[in-house]
Amino acid sequence: MSIEVQPLERVAHERAGIDLVAAEQAAGEFLRALGIDTDSESMRRTPWRMANAYAELFSPRPFDLTTFPNDEGYDELVLARAIPVRSICEHHLLPFVGVAHVGYLPGQRILGLSKLARIVEHFAYRPQVQERLTKQVADWLRDHLDPKGVGVVIEAEHTCMTLRGVRAEGSSTITSTLLGSLRDDPRSRGEFLALTMPGGRA
């Protein structure tokens, strides 16, 4: 069975340890096991599309950490709000989508603002649970930036809850991780939560 993949895509997936041929074959077997006919003209390419779609969803883009000296001694909150989050629930392999609010209190260095979004994207690109994703983003910033405090809030809708099971349409899940001053100092904690969480719940 042949797969049409552009050379650069094939190289990228091979480096990531992704076997698109095996994935396409497995996708076809999966669909047929569920009683779905893959022989029709409209469905014939679906296993290939599934394999490529999941390969894309599970392959984060590399990024370089860009930090700068905090020459001005800035010591107030730096916050990126409403960063899009798109990930796959590791329990059902169904998407969850929402937004992340990521902030930190600078120490000796500050971070290129676009990197806050790239860090969220990086950890969201594997099968995930929202609780782990929230903590991974916060821990990464703490370990690589050495800030005075870190805060991460993620609010997302899980299709494993809204499309199946309880079918709780419109529900969302909020998770948070606070480290350093944003956890221990009431003033800093309150400021961060007021800017990120509904009603500013502390």
Protein backbone atom coordinates (compact mmCIF):
# COMPACT_ATOMS: atom_id res chain seq x y z
CA MET A 1 0.00 0.00 0.00
CA SER A 2 1.54 3.29 -1.08
CA ILE A 3 1.34 6.55 0.81
CA GLU A 4 1.64 9.94 -0.81
CA VAL A 5 3.81 12.07 1.45
CA GLN A 6 5.93 15.02 0.46
CA PRO A 7 9.67 14.29 0.90
CA LEU A 8 10.18 16.88 3.65
CA GLU A 9 7.18 15.54 5.57
CA ARG A 10 8.48 12.00 5.23
CA VAL A 11 11.92 13.00 6.53
CA ALA A 12 10.39 14.87 9.48
CA HIS A 13 8.19 11.93 10.44
CA GLU A 14 11.04 9.43 10.09
CA ARG A 15 13.17 11.53 12.43
CA ALA A 16 10.31 11.54 14.92
CA GLY A 17 10.07 7.75 14.76
CA ILE A 18 6.70 7.79 12.97
CA ASP A 19 5.88 4.93 10.59
CA LEU A 20 3.16 6.36 8.34
CA VAL A 21 2.78 3.16 6.32
CA ALA A 22 2.06 1.11 9.46
CA ALA A 23 -0.20 3.88 10.79
CA GLU A 24 -2.27 3.91 7.59
CA GLN A 25 -2.65 0.14 7.63
CA ALA A 26 -3.66 0.19 11.30
CA ALA A 27 -6.16 3.00 10.69
CA GLY A 28 -7.80 0.99 7.92
CA GLU A 29 -8.04 -2.10 10.12
CA PHE A 30 -9.45 0.00 12.97
CA LEU A 31 -12.21 1.46 10.79
CA ARG A 32 -13.12 -1.88 9.27
CA ALA A 33 -13.25 -3.48 12.74
CA LEU A 34 -15.90 -0.90 13.63
CA GLY A 35 -17.96 -1.86 10.59
CA ILE A 36 -16.98 1.14 8.45
CA ASP A 37 -16.56 0.42 4.74
CA THR A 38 -13.30 1.91 3.48
CA ASP A 39 -13.71 0.70 -0.11
CA SER A 40 -15.95 3.50 -1.33
CA GLU A 41 -14.45 6.35 -3.31
CA SER A 42 -15.02 8.88 -0.52
CA MET A 43 -13.53 6.62 2.20
CA ARG A 44 -10.67 5.01 0.30
CA ARG A 45 -8.15 7.65 1.36
CA THR A 46 -9.46 8.05 4.90
CA PRO A 47 -6.89 5.73 6.58
CA TRP A 48 -4.11 7.73 4.90
CA ARG A 49 -5.67 10.99 6.04
CA MET A 50 -6.06 9.66 9.58
CA ALA A 51 -2.42 8.59 9.73
CA ASN A 52 -1.18 11.96 8.53
CA ALA A 53 -3.56 13.90 10.77
CA TYR A 54 -2.42 12.11 13.92
CA ALA A 55 1.22 12.33 12.87
CA GLU A 56 0.78 16.10 12.62
CA LEU A 57 -1.05 16.30 15.94
CA PHE A 58 1.69 14.30 17.70
CA SER A 59 4.74 16.08 16.20
CA PRO A 60 5.68 19.31 18.00
CA ARG A 61 7.74 21.92 16.21
CA PRO A 62 11.22 22.45 17.67
CA PHE A 63 11.94 25.81 19.21
CA ASP A 64 14.89 27.61 20.77
CA LEU A 65 14.55 29.28 24.13
CA THR A 66 15.14 33.02 23.73
CA THR A 67 15.86 34.92 26.93
CA PHE A 68 17.20 38.41 27.52
CA PRO A 69 18.89 40.10 30.46
CA ASN A 70 16.43 41.86 32.75
CA ASP A 71 18.51 45.05 32.60
CA GLU A 72 15.72 47.30 33.86
CA GLY A 73 15.08 45.10 36.87
CA TYR A 74 11.44 44.60 35.90
CA ASP A 75 9.76 42.77 38.78
CA GLU A 76 6.05 42.86 37.95
CA LEU A 77 3.92 40.15 36.39
CA VAL A 78 4.45 39.18 32.74
CA LEU A 79 1.33 37.46 31.47
CA ALA A 80 0.25 36.02 28.11
CA ARG A 81 -3.51 35.45 28.12
CA ALA A 82 -5.74 33.24 25.98
CA ILE A 83 -2.99 31.21 24.32
CA PRO A 84 -4.81 28.61 22.15
CA VAL A 85 -4.53 25.05 23.43
CA ARG A 86 -5.18 22.06 21.18
CA SER A 87 -4.35 18.59 22.45
CA ILE A 88 -5.54 14.98 22.46
CA CYS A 89 -6.92 13.25 25.55
CA GLU A 90 -4.72 10.23 26.19
CA HIS A 91 -7.65 8.19 27.52
CA HIS A 92 -9.89 8.33 24.42
CA LEU A 93 -7.69 10.01 21.76
CA LEU A 94 -10.32 12.71 21.34
CA PRO A 95 -9.42 16.42 21.18
CA PHE A 96 -9.61 18.93 23.95
CA VAL A 97 -9.37 22.62 23.10
CA GLY A 98 -9.26 25.83 25.06
CA VAL A 99 -6.94 28.56 26.24
CA ALA A 100 -3.94 28.88 28.52
CA HIS A 101 -2.92 31.88 30.60
CA VAL A 102 0.79 31.78 31.37
CA GLY A 103 2.62 34.28 33.55
CA TYR A 104 5.81 34.72 35.53
CA LEU A 105 7.57 37.15 37.83
CA PRO A 106 10.99 37.83 36.27
CA GLY A 107 14.29 37.18 37.94
CA GLN A 108 17.58 37.95 36.24
CA ARG A 109 16.25 37.19 32.75
CA ILE A 110 13.07 37.70 30.75
CA LEU A 111 11.63 35.46 28.06
CA GLY A 112 10.76 36.27 24.45
CA LEU A 113 6.97 36.62 24.61
CA SER A 114 6.25 34.29 21.69
CA LYS A 115 8.01 31.50 23.56
CA LEU A 116 5.23 31.36 26.15
CA ALA A 117 2.87 30.21 23.41
CA ARG A 118 5.48 27.87 21.94
CA ILE A 119 6.02 26.16 25.30
CA VAL A 120 2.28 25.49 25.60
CA GLU A 121 2.21 24.17 22.04
CA HIS A 122 5.23 21.94 22.66
CA PHE A 123 3.71 20.07 25.60
CA ALA A 124 0.24 19.90 24.03
CA TYR A 125 1.50 17.93 21.03
CA ARG A 126 1.33 14.49 22.64
CA PRO A 127 -1.53 12.50 24.14
CA GLN A 128 -2.16 14.41 27.35
CA VAL A 129 -4.23 14.98 30.44
CA GLN A 130 -4.92 18.61 31.23
CA GLU A 131 -3.55 18.40 34.76
CA ARG A 132 -0.15 17.15 33.53
CA LEU A 133 -0.04 19.68 30.70
CA THR A 134 -0.58 22.54 33.14
CA LYS A 135 2.20 21.36 35.43
CA GLN A 136 4.63 20.62 32.60
CA VAL A 137 4.39 24.19 31.28
CA ALA A 138 4.91 25.67 34.75
CA ASP A 139 7.79 23.33 35.64
CA TRP A 140 9.54 24.02 32.34
CA LEU A 141 9.46 27.78 32.94
CA ARG A 142 10.70 27.35 36.51
CA ASP A 143 13.57 25.07 35.46
CA HIS A 144 14.73 27.07 32.42
CA LEU A 145 14.08 30.66 33.42
CA ASP A 146 14.59 30.66 37.21
CA PRO A 147 11.84 33.25 37.76
CA LYS A 148 10.55 34.46 41.12
CA GLY A 149 7.19 32.89 40.39
CA VAL A 150 5.24 31.05 37.70
CA GLY A 151 1.52 30.69 37.12
CA VAL A 152 -0.36 28.63 34.53
CA VAL A 153 -4.13 28.34 34.15
CA ILE A 154 -5.72 26.23 31.41
CA GLU A 155 -9.43 26.18 30.61
CA ALA A 156 -10.51 23.61 28.03
CA GLU A 157 -13.48 21.72 26.66
CA HIS A 158 -12.95 17.97 26.40
CA THR A 159 -14.81 16.25 23.59
CA CYS A 160 -14.53 12.96 25.48
CA MET A 161 -17.04 14.60 27.87
CA THR A 162 -19.13 16.58 25.40
CA LEU A 163 -19.45 14.15 22.47
CA ARG A 164 -19.63 10.84 24.33
CA GLY A 165 -20.20 9.46 27.81
CA VAL A 166 -22.05 12.04 29.90
CA ARG A 167 -22.30 14.39 26.88
CA ALA A 168 -21.94 17.42 29.12
CA GLU A 169 -22.19 20.00 26.36
CA GLY A 170 -20.79 23.42 27.23
CA SER A 171 -18.78 22.19 30.20
CA SER A 172 -15.15 23.20 30.64
CA THR A 173 -12.32 22.12 32.91
CA ILE A 174 -9.99 24.56 34.66
CA THR A 175 -6.58 23.54 36.00
CA SER A 176 -3.88 25.70 37.56
CA THR A 177 -0.30 25.44 38.75
CA LEU A 178 1.29 28.20 40.82
CA LEU A 179 4.96 28.18 41.82
CA GLY A 180 7.21 30.45 43.84
CA SER A 181 5.85 33.89 44.75
CA LEU A 182 2.70 33.34 42.73
CA ARG A 183 1.86 30.50 45.10
CA ASP A 184 3.25 31.81 48.40
CA ASP A 185 2.62 35.57 48.28
CA PRO A 186 -1.10 36.40 48.67
CA ARG A 187 -0.82 39.70 46.78
CA SER A 188 0.95 38.17 43.77
CA ARG A 189 -1.32 35.14 43.79
CA GLY A 190 -4.44 37.32 43.90
CA GLU A 191 -3.23 39.52 41.05
CA PHE A 192 -2.51 36.55 38.83
CA LEU A 193 -5.81 34.80 39.53
CA ALA A 194 -7.78 38.01 39.12
CA LEU A 195 -6.35 38.38 35.62
CA THR A 196 -6.82 34.78 34.56
CA MET A 197 -9.62 32.93 36.33
CA PRO A 198 -13.37 33.62 36.10
CA GLY A 199 -14.31 35.83 39.04
CA GLY A 200 -10.68 36.05 40.14
CA ARG A 201 -11.04 33.11 42.52
CA ALA A 202 -8.02 32.86 44.85
